[in-house]
All heavy atoms as atom14 arrays in JSON, in Angstrom:
{
  "sequence": "VKDRFTISRDNAKGTVSLQMNSLKPEDTTTYYCYVEGYVYD",
  "atom14_mask": [
    [1, 1, 1, 1, 1, 1, 1, 0, 0, 0, 0, 0, 0, 0],
    [1, 1, 1, 1, 1, 1, 1, 1, 1, 0, 0, 0, 0, 0],
    [1, 1, 1, 1, 1, 1, 1, 1, 0, 0, 0, 0, 0, 0],
    [1, 1, 1, 1, 1, 1, 1, 1, 1, 1, 1, 0, 0, 0],
    [1, 1, 1, 1, 1, 1, 1, 1, 1, 1, 1, 0, 0, 0],
    [1, 1, 1, 1, 1, 1, 1, 0, 0, 0, 0, 0, 0, 0],
    [1, 1, 1, 1, 1, 1, 1, 1, 0, 0, 0, 0, 0, 0],
    [1, 1, 1, 1, 1, 1, 0, 0, 0, 0, 0, 0, 0, 0],
    [1, 1, 1, 1, 1, 1, 1, 1, 1, 1, 1, 0, 0, 0],
    [1, 1, 1, 1, 1, 1, 1, 1, 0, 0, 0, 0, 0, 0],
    [1, 1, 1, 1, 1, 1, 1, 1, 0, 0, 0, 0, 0, 0],
    [1, 1, 1, 1, 1, 0, 0, 0, 0, 0, 0, 0, 0, 0],
    [1, 1, 1, 1, 1, 1, 1, 1, 1, 0, 0, 0, 0, 0],
    [1, 1, 1, 1, 0, 0, 0, 0, 0, 0, 0, 0, 0, 0],
    [1, 1, 1, 1, 1, 1, 1, 0, 0, 0, 0, 0, 0, 0],
    [1, 1, 1, 1, 1, 1, 1, 0, 0, 0, 0, 0, 0, 0],
    [1, 1, 1, 1, 1, 1, 0, 0, 0, 0, 0, 0, 0, 0],
    [1, 1, 1, 1, 1, 1, 1, 1, 0, 0, 0, 0, 0, 0],
    [1, 1, 1, 1, 1, 1, 1, 1, 1, 0, 0, 0, 0, 0],
    [1, 1, 1, 1, 1, 1, 1, 1, 0, 0, 0, 0, 0, 0],
    [1, 1, 1, 1, 1, 1, 1, 1, 0, 0, 0, 0, 0, 0],
    [1, 1, 1, 1, 1, 1, 0, 0, 0, 0, 0, 0, 0, 0],
    [1, 1, 1, 1, 1, 1, 1, 1, 0, 0, 0, 0, 0, 0],
    [1, 1, 1, 1, 1, 1, 1, 1, 1, 0, 0, 0, 0, 0],
    [1, 1, 1, 1, 1, 1, 1, 0, 0, 0, 0, 0, 0, 0],
    [1, 1, 1, 1, 1, 1, 1, 1, 1, 0, 0, 0, 0, 0],
    [1, 1, 1, 1, 1, 1, 1, 1, 0, 0, 0, 0, 0, 0],
    [1, 1, 1, 1, 1, 1, 1, 0, 0, 0, 0, 0, 0, 0],
    [1, 1, 1, 1, 1, 1, 1, 0, 0, 0, 0, 0, 0, 0],
    [1, 1, 1, 1, 1, 1, 1, 0, 0, 0, 0, 0, 0, 0],
    [1, 1, 1, 1, 1, 1, 1, 1, 1, 1, 1, 1, 0, 0],
    [1, 1, 1, 1, 1, 1, 1, 1, 1, 1, 1, 1, 0, 0],
    [1, 1, 1, 1, 1, 1, 0, 0, 0, 0, 0, 0, 0, 0],
    [1, 1, 1, 1, 1, 1, 1, 1, 1, 1, 1, 1, 0, 0],
    [1, 1, 1, 1, 1, 1, 1, 0, 0, 0, 0, 0, 0, 0],
    [1, 1, 1, 1, 1, 1, 1, 1, 1, 0, 0, 0, 0, 0],
    [1, 1, 1, 1, 0, 0, 0, 0, 0, 0, 0, 0, 0, 0],
    [1, 1, 1, 1, 1, 1, 1, 1, 1, 1, 1, 1, 0, 0],
    [1, 1, 1, 1, 1, 1, 1, 0, 0, 0, 0, 0, 0, 0],
    [1, 1, 1, 1, 1, 1, 1, 1, 1, 1, 1, 1, 0, 0],
    [1, 1, 1, 1, 1, 1, 1, 1, 0, 0, 0, 0, 0, 0]
  ],
  "atom14_positions": [
    [[73.53, -83.61, 95.23], [72.83, -82.43, 94.72], [71.35, -82.44, 95.06], [70.64, -81.49, 94.74], [72.99, -82.3, 93.19], [74.46, -82.37, 92.8], [72.18, -83.37, 92.46], [0.0, 0.0, 0.0], [0.0, 0.0, 0.0], [0.0, 0.0, 0.0], [0.0, 0.0, 0.0], [0.0, 0.0, 0.0], [0.0, 0.0, 0.0], [0.0, 0.0, 0.0]],
    [[70.88, -83.47, 95.71], [69.46, -83.69, 95.94], [68.75, -82.48, 96.54], [67.63, -82.15, 96.15], [69.27, -84.91, 96.83], [67.82, -85.28, 97.07], [67.72, -86.52, 97.93], [66.27, -86.89, 98.2], [66.18, -88.1, 99.05], [0.0, 0.0, 0.0], [0.0, 0.0, 0.0], [0.0, 0.0, 0.0], [0.0, 0.0, 0.0], [0.0, 0.0, 0.0]],
    [[69.35, -81.84, 97.5], [68.72, -80.73, 98.2], [69.06, -79.37, 97.61], [68.63, -78.34, 98.14], [69.11, -80.75, 99.68], [68.65, -82.0, 100.39], [67.56, -82.5, 100.07], [69.39, -82.49, 101.28], [0.0, 0.0, 0.0], [0.0, 0.0, 0.0], [0.0, 0.0, 0.0], [0.0, 0.0, 0.0], [0.0, 0.0, 0.0], [0.0, 0.0, 0.0]],
    [[69.8, -79.36, 96.52], [70.26, -78.1, 95.95], [69.83, -77.88, 94.51], [69.66, -76.74, 94.08], [71.79, -78.01, 96.03], [72.32, -78.08, 97.45], [73.84, -77.91, 97.48], [74.52, -79.03, 96.83], [75.33, -78.9, 95.78], [75.59, -77.7, 95.27], [75.92, -79.98, 95.26], [0.0, 0.0, 0.0], [0.0, 0.0, 0.0], [0.0, 0.0, 0.0]],
    [[69.69, -78.96, 93.75], [69.36, -78.86, 92.33], [67.93, -79.31, 92.09], [67.4, -80.18, 92.78], [70.29, -79.73, 91.49], [71.74, -79.31, 91.49], [72.2, -78.27, 92.28], [72.64, -79.98, 90.67], [73.53, -77.89, 92.28], [73.97, -79.61, 90.65], [74.42, -78.57, 91.45], [0.0, 0.0, 0.0], [0.0, 0.0, 0.0], [0.0, 0.0, 0.0]],
    [[67.33, -78.75, 91.06], [65.99, -79.14, 90.66], [65.92, -79.29, 89.15], [66.3, -78.39, 88.41], [64.94, -78.1, 91.1], [65.0, -77.92, 92.52], [63.54, -78.57, 90.72], [0.0, 0.0, 0.0], [0.0, 0.0, 0.0], [0.0, 0.0, 0.0], [0.0, 0.0, 0.0], [0.0, 0.0, 0.0], [0.0, 0.0, 0.0], [0.0, 0.0, 0.0]],
    [[65.45, -80.44, 88.71], [65.32, -80.69, 87.29], [63.87, -80.47, 86.86], [62.93, -80.72, 87.61], [65.77, -82.12, 86.93], [65.87, -82.31, 85.42], [64.85, -83.16, 87.56], [66.56, -83.61, 85.02], [0.0, 0.0, 0.0], [0.0, 0.0, 0.0], [0.0, 0.0, 0.0], [0.0, 0.0, 0.0], [0.0, 0.0, 0.0], [0.0, 0.0, 0.0]],
    [[63.7, -79.99, 85.64], [62.37, -79.78, 85.1], [62.38, -80.06, 83.61], [63.43, -80.0, 82.96], [61.87, -78.36, 85.38], [62.73, -77.39, 84.8], [0.0, 0.0, 0.0], [0.0, 0.0, 0.0], [0.0, 0.0, 0.0], [0.0, 0.0, 0.0], [0.0, 0.0, 0.0], [0.0, 0.0, 0.0], [0.0, 0.0, 0.0], [0.0, 0.0, 0.0]],
    [[61.2, -80.35, 83.07], [61.06, -80.64, 81.65], [59.87, -79.91, 81.05], [58.88, -79.66, 81.73], [60.85, -82.14, 81.41], [62.04, -83.01, 81.64], [61.69, -84.48, 81.44], [61.21, -84.79, 80.1], [61.09, -86.02, 79.62], [61.43, -87.07, 80.37], [60.62, -86.22, 78.39], [0.0, 0.0, 0.0], [0.0, 0.0, 0.0], [0.0, 0.0, 0.0]],
    [[60.0, -79.61, 79.79], [58.89, -79.15, 78.99], [58.81, -80.12, 77.82], [59.55, -80.0, 76.84], [59.09, -77.72, 78.5], [57.86, -77.17, 77.8], [57.11, -77.95, 77.19], [57.64, -75.95, 77.86], [0.0, 0.0, 0.0], [0.0, 0.0, 0.0], [0.0, 0.0, 0.0], [0.0, 0.0, 0.0], [0.0, 0.0, 0.0], [0.0, 0.0, 0.0]],
    [[57.93, -81.08, 77.93], [57.86, -82.14, 76.93], [57.44, -81.62, 75.56], [57.88, -82.13, 74.53], [56.91, -83.24, 77.39], [57.42, -83.99, 78.6], [58.63, -84.18, 78.75], [56.52, -84.42, 79.46], [0.0, 0.0, 0.0], [0.0, 0.0, 0.0], [0.0, 0.0, 0.0], [0.0, 0.0, 0.0], [0.0, 0.0, 0.0], [0.0, 0.0, 0.0]],
    [[56.58, -80.64, 75.56], [56.12, -80.09, 74.29], [57.24, -79.42, 73.52], [57.29, -79.47, 72.29], [54.98, -79.1, 74.52], [0.0, 0.0, 0.0], [0.0, 0.0, 0.0], [0.0, 0.0, 0.0], [0.0, 0.0, 0.0], [0.0, 0.0, 0.0], [0.0, 0.0, 0.0], [0.0, 0.0, 0.0], [0.0, 0.0, 0.0], [0.0, 0.0, 0.0]],
    [[58.16, -78.8, 74.24], [59.27, -78.11, 73.62], [60.52, -78.97, 73.5], [61.48, -78.57, 72.84], [59.61, -76.84, 74.39], [58.5, -75.8, 74.39], [58.92, -74.56, 75.15], [57.83, -73.5, 75.13], [58.23, -72.29, 75.88], [0.0, 0.0, 0.0], [0.0, 0.0, 0.0], [0.0, 0.0, 0.0], [0.0, 0.0, 0.0], [0.0, 0.0, 0.0]],
    [[60.51, -80.12, 74.14], [61.67, -80.98, 74.11], [62.86, -80.41, 74.85], [64.0, -80.54, 74.4], [0.0, 0.0, 0.0], [0.0, 0.0, 0.0], [0.0, 0.0, 0.0], [0.0, 0.0, 0.0], [0.0, 0.0, 0.0], [0.0, 0.0, 0.0], [0.0, 0.0, 0.0], [0.0, 0.0, 0.0], [0.0, 0.0, 0.0], [0.0, 0.0, 0.0]],
    [[62.59, -79.77, 75.98], [63.66, -79.15, 76.75], [63.72, -79.73, 78.15], [62.72, -80.2, 78.7], [63.48, -77.63, 76.85], [62.25, -77.34, 77.52], [63.44, -77.01, 75.47], [0.0, 0.0, 0.0], [0.0, 0.0, 0.0], [0.0, 0.0, 0.0], [0.0, 0.0, 0.0], [0.0, 0.0, 0.0], [0.0, 0.0, 0.0], [0.0, 0.0, 0.0]],
    [[64.9, -79.67, 78.73], [65.11, -80.04, 80.11], [66.04, -79.0, 80.73], [66.99, -78.55, 80.09], [65.7, -81.46, 80.24], [67.05, -81.57, 79.53], [65.82, -81.86, 81.7], [0.0, 0.0, 0.0], [0.0, 0.0, 0.0], [0.0, 0.0, 0.0], [0.0, 0.0, 0.0], [0.0, 0.0, 0.0], [0.0, 0.0, 0.0], [0.0, 0.0, 0.0]],
    [[65.74, -78.63, 81.95], [66.51, -77.62, 82.64], [66.97, -78.13, 83.99], [66.35, -79.02, 84.57], [65.7, -76.34, 82.83], [65.35, -75.77, 81.59], [0.0, 0.0, 0.0], [0.0, 0.0, 0.0], [0.0, 0.0, 0.0], [0.0, 0.0, 0.0], [0.0, 0.0, 0.0], [0.0, 0.0, 0.0], [0.0, 0.0, 0.0], [0.0, 0.0, 0.0]],
    [[68.03, -77.55, 84.47], [68.56, -77.89, 85.79], [68.84, -76.6, 86.53], [69.75, -75.85, 86.17], [69.85, -78.72, 85.66], [70.43, -79.23, 86.97], [69.53, -80.3, 87.58], [71.83, -79.79, 86.73], [0.0, 0.0, 0.0], [0.0, 0.0, 0.0], [0.0, 0.0, 0.0], [0.0, 0.0, 0.0], [0.0, 0.0, 0.0], [0.0, 0.0, 0.0]],
    [[68.03, -76.35, 87.54], [68.24, -75.2, 88.41], [69.21, -75.61, 89.5], [68.92, -76.51, 90.29], [66.92, -74.72, 89.01], [67.05, -73.52, 89.94], [67.52, -72.28, 89.22], [67.03, -71.96, 88.15], [68.48, -71.58, 89.81], [0.0, 0.0, 0.0], [0.0, 0.0, 0.0], [0.0, 0.0, 0.0], [0.0, 0.0, 0.0], [0.0, 0.0, 0.0]],
    [[70.35, -74.95, 89.54], [71.4, -75.3, 90.49], [71.55, -74.16, 91.49], [71.96, -73.06, 91.12], [72.71, -75.56, 89.76], [72.61, -76.63, 88.67], [74.21, -77.04, 87.94], [74.61, -75.48, 87.14], [0.0, 0.0, 0.0], [0.0, 0.0, 0.0], [0.0, 0.0, 0.0], [0.0, 0.0, 0.0], [0.0, 0.0, 0.0], [0.0, 0.0, 0.0]],
    [[71.25, -74.45, 92.72], [71.37, -73.49, 93.8], [72.43, -73.94, 94.8], [72.82, -75.1, 94.83], [70.03, -73.31, 94.52], [68.94, -72.78, 93.62], [69.18, -71.97, 92.73], [67.71, -73.24, 93.85], [0.0, 0.0, 0.0], [0.0, 0.0, 0.0], [0.0, 0.0, 0.0], [0.0, 0.0, 0.0], [0.0, 0.0, 0.0], [0.0, 0.0, 0.0]],
    [[72.87, -73.0, 95.6], [73.88, -73.29, 96.63], [75.07, -74.04, 96.05], [75.52, -75.05, 96.59], [73.24, -74.1, 97.77], [72.16, -73.4, 98.35], [0.0, 0.0, 0.0], [0.0, 0.0, 0.0], [0.0, 0.0, 0.0], [0.0, 0.0, 0.0], [0.0, 0.0, 0.0], [0.0, 0.0, 0.0], [0.0, 0.0, 0.0], [0.0, 0.0, 0.0]],
    [[75.57, -73.54, 94.96], [76.65, -74.21, 94.27], [77.93, -74.24, 95.1], [78.24, -73.3, 95.83], [76.91, -73.54, 92.93], [75.89, -73.89, 91.84], [75.93, -72.88, 90.71], [76.14, -75.3, 91.31], [0.0, 0.0, 0.0], [0.0, 0.0, 0.0], [0.0, 0.0, 0.0], [0.0, 0.0, 0.0], [0.0, 0.0, 0.0], [0.0, 0.0, 0.0]],
    [[78.64, -75.33, 94.95], [79.88, -75.56, 95.66], [81.03, -75.71, 94.67], [80.81, -76.1, 93.52], [79.78, -76.82, 96.52], [78.63, -76.82, 97.51], [78.54, -78.16, 98.22], [77.38, -78.19, 99.2], [77.28, -79.5, 99.9], [0.0, 0.0, 0.0], [0.0, 0.0, 0.0], [0.0, 0.0, 0.0], [0.0, 0.0, 0.0], [0.0, 0.0, 0.0]],
    [[82.25, -75.45, 95.1], [83.39, -75.64, 94.2], [83.47, -77.04, 93.61], [83.89, -77.2, 92.46], [84.6, -75.34, 95.09], [84.07, -74.36, 96.09], [82.66, -74.82, 96.37], [0.0, 0.0, 0.0], [0.0, 0.0, 0.0], [0.0, 0.0, 0.0], [0.0, 0.0, 0.0], [0.0, 0.0, 0.0], [0.0, 0.0, 0.0], [0.0, 0.0, 0.0]],
    [[83.05, -78.04, 94.37], [83.09, -79.4, 93.87], [82.07, -79.68, 92.78], [82.09, -80.75, 92.16], [82.91, -80.41, 95.02], [81.74, -80.1, 95.93], [82.18, -79.35, 97.19], [82.96, -78.39, 97.06], [81.73, -79.74, 98.29], [0.0, 0.0, 0.0], [0.0, 0.0, 0.0], [0.0, 0.0, 0.0], [0.0, 0.0, 0.0], [0.0, 0.0, 0.0]],
    [[81.17, -78.74, 92.53], [80.25, -78.86, 91.41], [80.89, -78.46, 90.09], [80.28, -78.62, 89.03], [79.0, -78.0, 91.63], [78.18, -78.45, 92.83], [78.01, -79.66, 93.02], [77.71, -77.57, 93.58], [0.0, 0.0, 0.0], [0.0, 0.0, 0.0], [0.0, 0.0, 0.0], [0.0, 0.0, 0.0], [0.0, 0.0, 0.0], [0.0, 0.0, 0.0]],
    [[82.09, -77.94, 90.15], [82.79, -77.47, 88.96], [83.15, -78.64, 88.04], [83.86, -79.55, 88.44], [84.06, -76.71, 89.34], [83.72, -75.54, 90.08], [84.83, -76.31, 88.1], [0.0, 0.0, 0.0], [0.0, 0.0, 0.0], [0.0, 0.0, 0.0], [0.0, 0.0, 0.0], [0.0, 0.0, 0.0], [0.0, 0.0, 0.0], [0.0, 0.0, 0.0]],
    [[82.64, -78.57, 86.84], [82.96, -79.55, 85.8], [82.08, -79.27, 84.6], [81.32, -78.31, 84.58], [82.75, -80.99, 86.3], [83.32, -81.91, 85.35], [81.28, -81.32, 86.48], [0.0, 0.0, 0.0], [0.0, 0.0, 0.0], [0.0, 0.0, 0.0], [0.0, 0.0, 0.0], [0.0, 0.0, 0.0], [0.0, 0.0, 0.0], [0.0, 0.0, 0.0]],
    [[82.17, -80.13, 83.61], [81.33, -80.02, 82.43], [80.06, -80.83, 82.63], [80.12, -81.99, 83.05], [82.07, -80.51, 81.18], [83.25, -79.71, 80.98], [81.19, -80.37, 79.95], [0.0, 0.0, 0.0], [0.0, 0.0, 0.0], [0.0, 0.0, 0.0], [0.0, 0.0, 0.0], [0.0, 0.0, 0.0], [0.0, 0.0, 0.0], [0.0, 0.0, 0.0]],
    [[78.94, -80.23, 82.3], [77.64, -80.87, 82.44], [77.1, -81.22, 81.07], [77.14, -80.4, 80.14], [76.67, -79.95, 83.18], [76.98, -79.83, 84.65], [78.1, -79.14, 85.09], [76.16, -80.42, 85.61], [78.4, -79.05, 86.44], [76.44, -80.34, 86.95], [77.57, -79.65, 87.37], [77.85, -79.57, 88.71], [0.0, 0.0, 0.0], [0.0, 0.0, 0.0]],
    [[76.56, -82.42, 80.96], [76.08, -82.93, 79.7], [74.59, -83.25, 79.75], [74.12, -83.91, 80.68], [76.83, -84.21, 79.31], [78.31, -84.02, 79.12], [79.18, -84.11, 80.2], [78.83, -83.74, 77.86], [80.54, -83.93, 80.03], [80.19, -83.56, 77.69], [81.04, -83.66, 78.77], [82.4, -83.49, 78.6], [0.0, 0.0, 0.0], [0.0, 0.0, 0.0]],
    [[73.9, -82.82, 78.75], [72.5, -83.18, 78.6], [72.38, -84.61, 78.09], [73.18, -85.05, 77.25], [71.83, -82.21, 77.63], [70.06, -82.5, 77.38], [0.0, 0.0, 0.0], [0.0, 0.0, 0.0], [0.0, 0.0, 0.0], [0.0, 0.0, 0.0], [0.0, 0.0, 0.0], [0.0, 0.0, 0.0], [0.0, 0.0, 0.0], [0.0, 0.0, 0.0]],
    [[71.39, -85.32, 78.6], [71.18, -86.72, 78.24], [69.72, -86.94, 77.86], [68.81, -86.44, 78.52], [71.55, -87.62, 79.43], [71.04, -89.03, 79.32], [71.73, -89.98, 78.57], [69.88, -89.41, 79.98], [71.27, -91.28, 78.48], [69.42, -90.72, 79.89], [70.11, -91.65, 79.14], [69.67, -92.94, 79.06], [0.0, 0.0, 0.0], [0.0, 0.0, 0.0]],
    [[69.53, -87.71, 76.81], [68.19, -88.07, 76.37], [68.15, -89.53, 76.01], [69.03, -90.03, 75.3], [67.74, -87.22, 75.16], [66.47, -87.8, 74.54], [67.5, -85.78, 75.57], [0.0, 0.0, 0.0], [0.0, 0.0, 0.0], [0.0, 0.0, 0.0], [0.0, 0.0, 0.0], [0.0, 0.0, 0.0], [0.0, 0.0, 0.0], [0.0, 0.0, 0.0]],
    [[67.12, -90.2, 76.48], [66.83, -91.57, 76.07], [65.48, -91.56, 75.38], [64.48, -91.16, 75.99], [66.79, -92.52, 77.26], [66.41, -93.95, 76.89], [66.05, -94.79, 78.09], [66.45, -94.43, 79.21], [65.37, -95.82, 77.91], [0.0, 0.0, 0.0], [0.0, 0.0, 0.0], [0.0, 0.0, 0.0], [0.0, 0.0, 0.0], [0.0, 0.0, 0.0]],
    [[65.47, -91.98, 74.14], [64.21, -91.97, 73.43], [64.28, -92.66, 72.08], [65.3, -93.24, 71.71], [0.0, 0.0, 0.0], [0.0, 0.0, 0.0], [0.0, 0.0, 0.0], [0.0, 0.0, 0.0], [0.0, 0.0, 0.0], [0.0, 0.0, 0.0], [0.0, 0.0, 0.0], [0.0, 0.0, 0.0], [0.0, 0.0, 0.0], [0.0, 0.0, 0.0]],
    [[63.18, -92.57, 71.37], [63.05, -93.18, 70.05], [63.03, -92.12, 68.98], [62.31, -91.12, 69.09], [61.74, -93.97, 69.96], [61.67, -95.23, 70.77], [61.31, -95.2, 72.11], [61.94, -96.47, 70.19], [61.23, -96.36, 72.85], [61.85, -97.63, 70.92], [61.5, -97.58, 72.25], [61.41, -98.73, 72.99], [0.0, 0.0, 0.0], [0.0, 0.0, 0.0]],
    [[63.81, -92.34, 67.95], [63.66, -91.53, 66.75], [62.68, -92.25, 65.83], [62.37, -93.43, 66.03], [65.01, -91.31, 66.04], [65.94, -90.52, 66.94], [65.64, -92.63, 65.65], [0.0, 0.0, 0.0], [0.0, 0.0, 0.0], [0.0, 0.0, 0.0], [0.0, 0.0, 0.0], [0.0, 0.0, 0.0], [0.0, 0.0, 0.0], [0.0, 0.0, 0.0]],
    [[62.19, -91.54, 64.84], [61.26, -92.16, 63.9], [61.89, -93.36, 63.21], [63.06, -93.33, 62.83], [60.81, -91.14, 62.87], [59.82, -90.14, 63.41], [60.21, -88.83, 63.69], [58.5, -90.49, 63.65], [59.31, -87.92, 64.18], [57.6, -89.58, 64.14], [58.0, -88.3, 64.42], [57.09, -87.38, 64.92], [0.0, 0.0, 0.0], [0.0, 0.0, 0.0]],
    [[61.1, -94.41, 63.1], [61.49, -95.65, 62.44], [62.52, -96.46, 63.22], [63.1, -97.41, 62.69], [62.03, -95.39, 61.03], [61.01, -94.74, 60.13], [59.82, -95.08, 60.23], [61.42, -93.87, 59.32], [0.0, 0.0, 0.0], [0.0, 0.0, 0.0], [0.0, 0.0, 0.0], [0.0, 0.0, 0.0], [0.0, 0.0, 0.0], [0.0, 0.0, 0.0]]
  ]
}
């Protein structure tokens, strides 16, 4: 996906987006958001 998708973040809003262009049938599946971080305490 390197040449087709672009990831972006808005740290203030706690959001992440994935712009997917030139999609192919093999891209068909379920996509999951992932976060690695610390919660309070």
